[in-house]
Amino acid sequence: MTFEHASGDLSGVPGSRLTDEQALAAALLAAAGAAGLSPAAPPVAKSGPRGVAAILLCHGGHVSLHALPEAGRCFADVAGLGQIQPQRGLDVLAKRLGAREMRSDARRRGPVGQPLEPERP
């Protein structure tokens, strides 16, 4: 079984979009749908002393973001098992948030060929 994983740095995002917790939750749900993920629980978005964190746990994956509203930037992550399309989820997040730029990276992840050696005392 493989994992499909895409992450992106979004910039030029209006700060007001990154502080609207309800809109962030809706964006996570839309991104999950676009990627082919099924939510396992309602999305959670919380503001704190180091920005905003939002996550949607899905069956076999997740959609998350960490934002700095004052800088208009966020990091987004979409990952899941099997035949999903995480880049589509990232594209939806960028559009919903109104990002002017996105730098993204996508990877297929799978089983490790060799076991790691345990740390020695």
N, C-alpha and C. Protein backbone atom coordinates (compact mmCIF):
# COMPACT_ATOMS: atom_id res chain seq x y z
N MET A 1 0.85 -1.18 0.00
CA MET A 1 0.00 0.00 0.00
C MET A 1 0.90 1.24 0.00
N THR A 2 0.53 2.22 -0.78
CA THR A 2 1.30 3.46 -0.83
C THR A 2 0.50 4.62 -0.25
N PHE A 3 1.23 5.64 0.15
CA PHE A 3 0.65 6.90 0.60
C PHE A 3 0.93 7.94 -0.47
N GLU A 4 -0.07 8.72 -0.78
CA GLU A 4 0.12 9.87 -1.66
C GLU A 4 0.18 11.09 -0.75
N HIS A 5 1.16 11.95 -0.98
CA HIS A 5 1.40 13.07 -0.07
C HIS A 5 1.79 14.31 -0.86
N ALA A 6 1.11 15.42 -0.60
CA ALA A 6 1.48 16.70 -1.21
C ALA A 6 1.47 17.76 -0.13
N SER A 7 2.45 18.63 -0.18
CA SER A 7 2.51 19.75 0.77
C SER A 7 2.80 21.02 -0.02
N GLY A 8 2.39 22.13 0.55
CA GLY A 8 2.58 23.38 -0.16
C GLY A 8 2.76 24.56 0.77
N ASP A 9 3.60 25.49 0.34
CA ASP A 9 3.76 26.78 1.00
C ASP A 9 2.94 27.78 0.21
N LEU A 10 1.94 28.38 0.86
CA LEU A 10 1.07 29.35 0.21
C LEU A 10 1.41 30.73 0.73
N SER A 11 1.52 31.69 -0.17
CA SER A 11 1.82 33.05 0.26
C SER A 11 0.90 34.03 -0.46
N GLY A 12 0.89 35.26 0.05
CA GLY A 12 0.03 36.28 -0.52
C GLY A 12 -1.43 36.04 -0.17
N VAL A 13 -1.68 35.38 0.95
CA VAL A 13 -3.04 35.08 1.39
C VAL A 13 -3.54 36.23 2.27
N PRO A 14 -4.72 36.77 2.00
CA PRO A 14 -5.25 37.81 2.88
C PRO A 14 -5.35 37.29 4.32
N GLY A 15 -4.82 38.04 5.27
CA GLY A 15 -4.82 37.63 6.66
C GLY A 15 -6.20 37.31 7.20
N SER A 16 -7.21 38.03 6.72
CA SER A 16 -8.58 37.79 7.20
C SER A 16 -9.06 36.39 6.84
N ARG A 17 -8.58 35.83 5.75
CA ARG A 17 -8.99 34.47 5.37
C ARG A 17 -8.32 33.43 6.26
N LEU A 18 -7.16 33.78 6.80
CA LEU A 18 -6.44 32.84 7.65
C LEU A 18 -6.86 32.90 9.11
N THR A 19 -7.71 33.86 9.46
CA THR A 19 -8.21 33.95 10.83
C THR A 19 -9.67 33.54 10.95
N ASP A 20 -10.31 33.29 9.85
CA ASP A 20 -11.72 32.89 9.84
C ASP A 20 -11.80 31.37 10.01
N GLU A 21 -11.98 30.93 11.25
CA GLU A 21 -11.93 29.50 11.55
C GLU A 21 -13.01 28.70 10.84
N GLN A 22 -14.20 29.26 10.68
CA GLN A 22 -15.27 28.55 9.96
C GLN A 22 -14.93 28.40 8.48
N ALA A 23 -14.38 29.44 7.88
CA ALA A 23 -14.00 29.36 6.46
C ALA A 23 -12.85 28.38 6.27
N LEU A 24 -11.91 28.34 7.21
CA LEU A 24 -10.82 27.37 7.12
C LEU A 24 -11.36 25.95 7.20
N ALA A 25 -12.30 25.71 8.11
CA ALA A 25 -12.90 24.38 8.23
C ALA A 25 -13.58 23.97 6.92
N ALA A 26 -14.31 24.91 6.32
CA ALA A 26 -14.98 24.63 5.04
C ALA A 26 -13.96 24.35 3.94
N ALA A 27 -12.86 25.08 3.94
CA ALA A 27 -11.81 24.87 2.93
C ALA A 27 -11.18 23.48 3.08
N LEU A 28 -10.98 23.04 4.33
CA LEU A 28 -10.43 21.71 4.56
C LEU A 28 -11.36 20.64 4.02
N LEU A 29 -12.67 20.80 4.26
CA LEU A 29 -13.64 19.84 3.75
C LEU A 29 -13.65 19.80 2.22
N ALA A 30 -13.59 20.98 1.60
CA ALA A 30 -13.57 21.04 0.13
C ALA A 30 -12.30 20.39 -0.42
N ALA A 31 -11.17 20.64 0.24
CA ALA A 31 -9.91 20.05 -0.21
C ALA A 31 -9.93 18.53 -0.09
N ALA A 32 -10.49 18.03 1.00
CA ALA A 32 -10.59 16.58 1.18
C ALA A 32 -11.43 15.97 0.07
N GLY A 33 -12.55 16.59 -0.24
CA GLY A 33 -13.40 16.08 -1.31
C GLY A 33 -12.69 16.05 -2.65
N ALA A 34 -11.96 17.12 -2.94
CA ALA A 34 -11.23 17.20 -4.21
C ALA A 34 -10.13 16.14 -4.30
N ALA A 35 -9.52 15.83 -3.15
CA ALA A 35 -8.44 14.84 -3.13
C ALA A 35 -8.95 13.41 -3.13
N GLY A 36 -10.23 13.22 -2.82
CA GLY A 36 -10.78 11.88 -2.75
C GLY A 36 -10.72 11.27 -1.36
N LEU A 37 -10.64 12.12 -0.34
CA LEU A 37 -10.61 11.66 1.05
C LEU A 37 -11.98 11.79 1.69
N SER A 38 -12.29 10.89 2.62
CA SER A 38 -13.56 10.93 3.36
C SER A 38 -13.28 11.35 4.81
N PRO A 39 -13.92 12.42 5.27
CA PRO A 39 -13.70 12.87 6.65
C PRO A 39 -14.07 11.80 7.67
N ALA A 40 -13.26 11.71 8.74
CA ALA A 40 -13.52 10.78 9.83
C ALA A 40 -14.11 11.52 11.03
N ALA A 41 -13.99 12.84 11.03
CA ALA A 41 -14.47 13.68 12.14
C ALA A 41 -14.63 15.10 11.60
N PRO A 42 -15.31 15.96 12.32
CA PRO A 42 -15.41 17.36 11.87
C PRO A 42 -14.04 18.04 11.88
N PRO A 43 -13.84 19.03 11.01
CA PRO A 43 -12.57 19.76 11.02
C PRO A 43 -12.44 20.60 12.28
N VAL A 44 -11.20 20.85 12.66
CA VAL A 44 -10.89 21.68 13.82
C VAL A 44 -9.95 22.79 13.36
N ALA A 45 -10.25 24.03 13.73
CA ALA A 45 -9.39 25.17 13.44
C ALA A 45 -9.30 26.02 14.69
N LYS A 46 -8.08 26.31 15.12
CA LYS A 46 -7.86 27.06 16.35
C LYS A 46 -6.76 28.10 16.17
N SER A 47 -7.03 29.29 16.70
CA SER A 47 -6.02 30.36 16.73
C SER A 47 -5.25 30.24 18.04
N GLY A 48 -3.98 30.57 17.98
CA GLY A 48 -3.15 30.51 19.18
C GLY A 48 -2.03 31.52 19.10
N PRO A 49 -1.12 31.46 20.05
CA PRO A 49 -0.03 32.44 20.10
C PRO A 49 0.95 32.34 18.94
N ARG A 50 0.95 31.23 18.22
CA ARG A 50 1.87 31.04 17.09
C ARG A 50 1.11 30.85 15.79
N GLY A 51 -0.01 31.56 15.63
CA GLY A 51 -0.76 31.48 14.39
C GLY A 51 -2.01 30.64 14.52
N VAL A 52 -2.39 30.06 13.41
CA VAL A 52 -3.62 29.27 13.32
C VAL A 52 -3.27 27.86 12.85
N ALA A 53 -3.89 26.88 13.49
CA ALA A 53 -3.72 25.49 13.09
C ALA A 53 -5.09 24.94 12.74
N ALA A 54 -5.16 24.17 11.67
CA ALA A 54 -6.43 23.56 11.26
C ALA A 54 -6.15 22.17 10.73
N ILE A 55 -7.03 21.23 11.07
CA ILE A 55 -6.83 19.86 10.61
C ILE A 55 -8.18 19.18 10.40
N LEU A 56 -8.19 18.32 9.40
CA LEU A 56 -9.33 17.45 9.14
C LEU A 56 -8.78 16.03 9.07
N LEU A 57 -9.14 15.21 10.05
CA LEU A 57 -8.74 13.81 10.03
C LEU A 57 -9.68 13.07 9.09
N CYS A 58 -9.10 12.25 8.24
CA CYS A 58 -9.88 11.50 7.26
C CYS A 58 -9.61 10.02 7.42
N HIS A 59 -10.48 9.20 6.86
CA HIS A 59 -10.23 7.76 6.86
C HIS A 59 -9.04 7.51 5.94
N GLY A 60 -7.92 7.12 6.52
CA GLY A 60 -6.72 6.85 5.74
C GLY A 60 -5.92 8.06 5.34
N GLY A 61 -6.13 9.22 5.99
CA GLY A 61 -5.34 10.40 5.63
C GLY A 61 -5.72 11.63 6.42
N HIS A 62 -5.30 12.78 5.90
CA HIS A 62 -5.61 14.05 6.57
C HIS A 62 -5.43 15.23 5.61
N VAL A 63 -6.00 16.37 6.01
CA VAL A 63 -5.75 17.66 5.37
C VAL A 63 -5.44 18.60 6.52
N SER A 64 -4.32 19.31 6.46
CA SER A 64 -3.98 20.21 7.56
C SER A 64 -3.35 21.49 7.02
N LEU A 65 -3.38 22.51 7.87
CA LEU A 65 -2.64 23.73 7.54
C LEU A 65 -2.23 24.45 8.81
N HIS A 66 -1.15 25.18 8.70
CA HIS A 66 -0.59 25.99 9.77
C HIS A 66 -0.35 27.36 9.16
N ALA A 67 -0.95 28.39 9.77
CA ALA A 67 -0.95 29.71 9.13
C ALA A 67 -0.38 30.80 10.04
N LEU A 68 0.24 31.77 9.40
CA LEU A 68 0.67 33.01 10.05
C LEU A 68 -0.09 34.14 9.37
N PRO A 69 -1.27 34.49 9.90
CA PRO A 69 -2.12 35.48 9.24
C PRO A 69 -1.44 36.83 9.01
N GLU A 70 -0.65 37.27 9.98
CA GLU A 70 0.00 38.58 9.85
C GLU A 70 1.01 38.61 8.70
N ALA A 71 1.51 37.45 8.31
CA ALA A 71 2.47 37.35 7.20
C ALA A 71 1.79 36.94 5.89
N GLY A 72 0.51 36.55 5.97
CA GLY A 72 -0.20 36.11 4.77
C GLY A 72 0.34 34.81 4.20
N ARG A 73 0.82 33.93 5.10
CA ARG A 73 1.43 32.68 4.65
C ARG A 73 0.86 31.49 5.41
N CYS A 74 0.88 30.35 4.75
CA CYS A 74 0.53 29.12 5.45
C CYS A 74 1.20 27.93 4.78
N PHE A 75 1.30 26.86 5.55
CA PHE A 75 1.81 25.59 5.07
C PHE A 75 0.64 24.62 5.08
N ALA A 76 0.40 23.95 3.98
CA ALA A 76 -0.71 23.01 3.87
C ALA A 76 -0.17 21.62 3.54
N ASP A 77 -0.91 20.61 3.98
CA ASP A 77 -0.49 19.23 3.83
C ASP A 77 -1.72 18.37 3.54
N VAL A 78 -1.63 17.54 2.50
CA VAL A 78 -2.71 16.61 2.16
C VAL A 78 -2.06 15.26 1.94
N ALA A 79 -2.53 14.25 2.66
CA ALA A 79 -1.94 12.92 2.54
C ALA A 79 -3.01 11.85 2.72
N GLY A 80 -2.80 10.71 2.07
CA GLY A 80 -3.74 9.61 2.24
C GLY A 80 -3.26 8.34 1.60
N LEU A 81 -3.95 7.28 1.94
CA LEU A 81 -3.65 5.95 1.43
C LEU A 81 -4.23 5.74 0.04
N GLY A 82 -3.49 5.06 -0.79
CA GLY A 82 -4.03 4.58 -2.06
C GLY A 82 -4.28 5.62 -3.12
N GLN A 83 -5.38 5.45 -3.82
CA GLN A 83 -5.67 6.22 -5.02
C GLN A 83 -6.33 7.56 -4.72
N ILE A 84 -5.62 8.46 -4.09
CA ILE A 84 -6.14 9.81 -3.87
C ILE A 84 -5.33 10.78 -4.72
N GLN A 85 -5.79 12.02 -4.81
CA GLN A 85 -5.10 13.05 -5.59
C GLN A 85 -4.83 14.27 -4.69
N PRO A 86 -3.77 14.19 -3.89
CA PRO A 86 -3.52 15.25 -2.93
C PRO A 86 -3.25 16.62 -3.56
N GLN A 87 -2.66 16.66 -4.75
CA GLN A 87 -2.40 17.95 -5.39
C GLN A 87 -3.70 18.69 -5.67
N ARG A 88 -4.74 17.95 -6.03
CA ARG A 88 -6.04 18.59 -6.25
C ARG A 88 -6.54 19.24 -4.96
N GLY A 89 -6.32 18.58 -3.83
CA GLY A 89 -6.69 19.15 -2.54
C GLY A 89 -5.92 20.43 -2.25
N LEU A 90 -4.63 20.43 -2.52
CA LEU A 90 -3.82 21.64 -2.34
C LEU A 90 -4.30 22.77 -3.24
N ASP A 91 -4.63 22.45 -4.48
CA ASP A 91 -5.11 23.47 -5.41
C ASP A 91 -6.40 24.11 -4.91
N VAL A 92 -7.30 23.30 -4.33
CA VAL A 92 -8.54 23.84 -3.77
C VAL A 92 -8.24 24.76 -2.60
N LEU A 93 -7.32 24.36 -1.72
CA LEU A 93 -6.96 25.23 -0.60
C LEU A 93 -6.40 26.57 -1.09
N ALA A 94 -5.51 26.52 -2.07
CA ALA A 94 -4.92 27.76 -2.60
C ALA A 94 -5.99 28.68 -3.17
N LYS A 95 -6.92 28.10 -3.90
CA LYS A 95 -7.98 28.91 -4.50
C LYS A 95 -8.91 29.48 -3.43
N ARG A 96 -9.35 28.64 -2.49
CA ARG A 96 -10.26 29.09 -1.44
C ARG A 96 -9.64 30.17 -0.56
N LEU A 97 -8.33 30.06 -0.33
CA LEU A 97 -7.65 31.04 0.52
C LEU A 97 -7.21 32.28 -0.24
N GLY A 98 -7.26 32.23 -1.55
CA GLY A 98 -6.86 33.38 -2.35
C GLY A 98 -5.36 33.59 -2.40
N ALA A 99 -4.61 32.50 -2.36
CA ALA A 99 -3.14 32.59 -2.39
C ALA A 99 -2.66 33.13 -3.74
N ARG A 100 -1.71 34.04 -3.70
CA ARG A 100 -1.12 34.55 -4.94
C ARG A 100 -0.04 33.62 -5.46
N GLU A 101 0.61 32.89 -4.54
CA GLU A 101 1.67 31.96 -4.95
C GLU A 101 1.57 30.68 -4.15
N MET A 102 1.98 29.57 -4.78
CA MET A 102 2.08 28.31 -4.07
C MET A 102 3.29 27.56 -4.60
N ARG A 103 4.11 27.10 -3.69
CA ARG A 103 5.23 26.21 -4.01
C ARG A 103 4.87 24.86 -3.39
N SER A 104 4.79 23.82 -4.22
CA SER A 104 4.33 22.53 -3.69
C SER A 104 5.30 21.41 -4.04
N ASP A 105 5.12 20.32 -3.31
CA ASP A 105 5.93 19.14 -3.49
C ASP A 105 5.02 17.93 -3.31
N ALA A 106 5.09 16.96 -4.20
CA ALA A 106 4.27 15.76 -4.09
C ALA A 106 5.17 14.54 -4.10
N ARG A 107 4.80 13.57 -3.29
CA ARG A 107 5.58 12.34 -3.19
C ARG A 107 4.67 11.14 -3.00
N ARG A 108 5.11 10.05 -3.51
CA ARG A 108 4.47 8.76 -3.23
C ARG A 108 5.33 8.11 -2.15
N ARG A 109 4.69 7.66 -1.11
CA ARG A 109 5.42 7.04 -0.01
C ARG A 109 4.96 5.60 0.11
N GLY A 110 5.88 4.74 0.46
CA GLY A 110 5.53 3.33 0.56
C GLY A 110 6.38 2.62 1.59
N PRO A 111 6.38 1.30 1.53
CA PRO A 111 7.13 0.53 2.53
C PRO A 111 8.63 0.80 2.42
N VAL A 112 9.27 0.76 3.55
CA VAL A 112 10.72 0.93 3.61
C VAL A 112 11.36 -0.41 3.29
N GLY A 113 12.39 -0.39 2.44
CA GLY A 113 13.04 -1.63 2.04
C GLY A 113 13.83 -2.30 3.14
N GLN A 114 14.58 -1.55 3.90
CA GLN A 114 15.41 -2.09 4.96
C GLN A 114 14.94 -1.55 6.31
N PRO A 115 14.85 -2.40 7.33
CA PRO A 115 14.49 -1.90 8.66
C PRO A 115 15.62 -1.02 9.20
N LEU A 116 15.24 -0.02 9.96
CA LEU A 116 16.23 0.84 10.60
C LEU A 116 16.89 0.11 11.76
N GLU A 117 18.16 0.38 11.94
CA GLU A 117 18.84 -0.22 13.08
C GLU A 117 18.42 0.53 14.34
N PRO A 118 18.18 -0.18 15.43
CA PRO A 118 17.82 0.51 16.67
C PRO A 118 18.99 1.34 17.18
N GLU A 119 18.66 2.42 17.89
CA GLU A 119 19.72 3.24 18.47
C GLU A 119 20.46 2.44 19.51
N ARG A 120 21.73 2.71 19.60
CA ARG A 120 22.55 2.00 20.60
C ARG A 120 22.74 2.91 21.80
N PRO A 121 22.72 2.31 22.99
CA PRO A 121 22.88 3.13 24.21
C PRO A 121 24.22 3.79 24.31
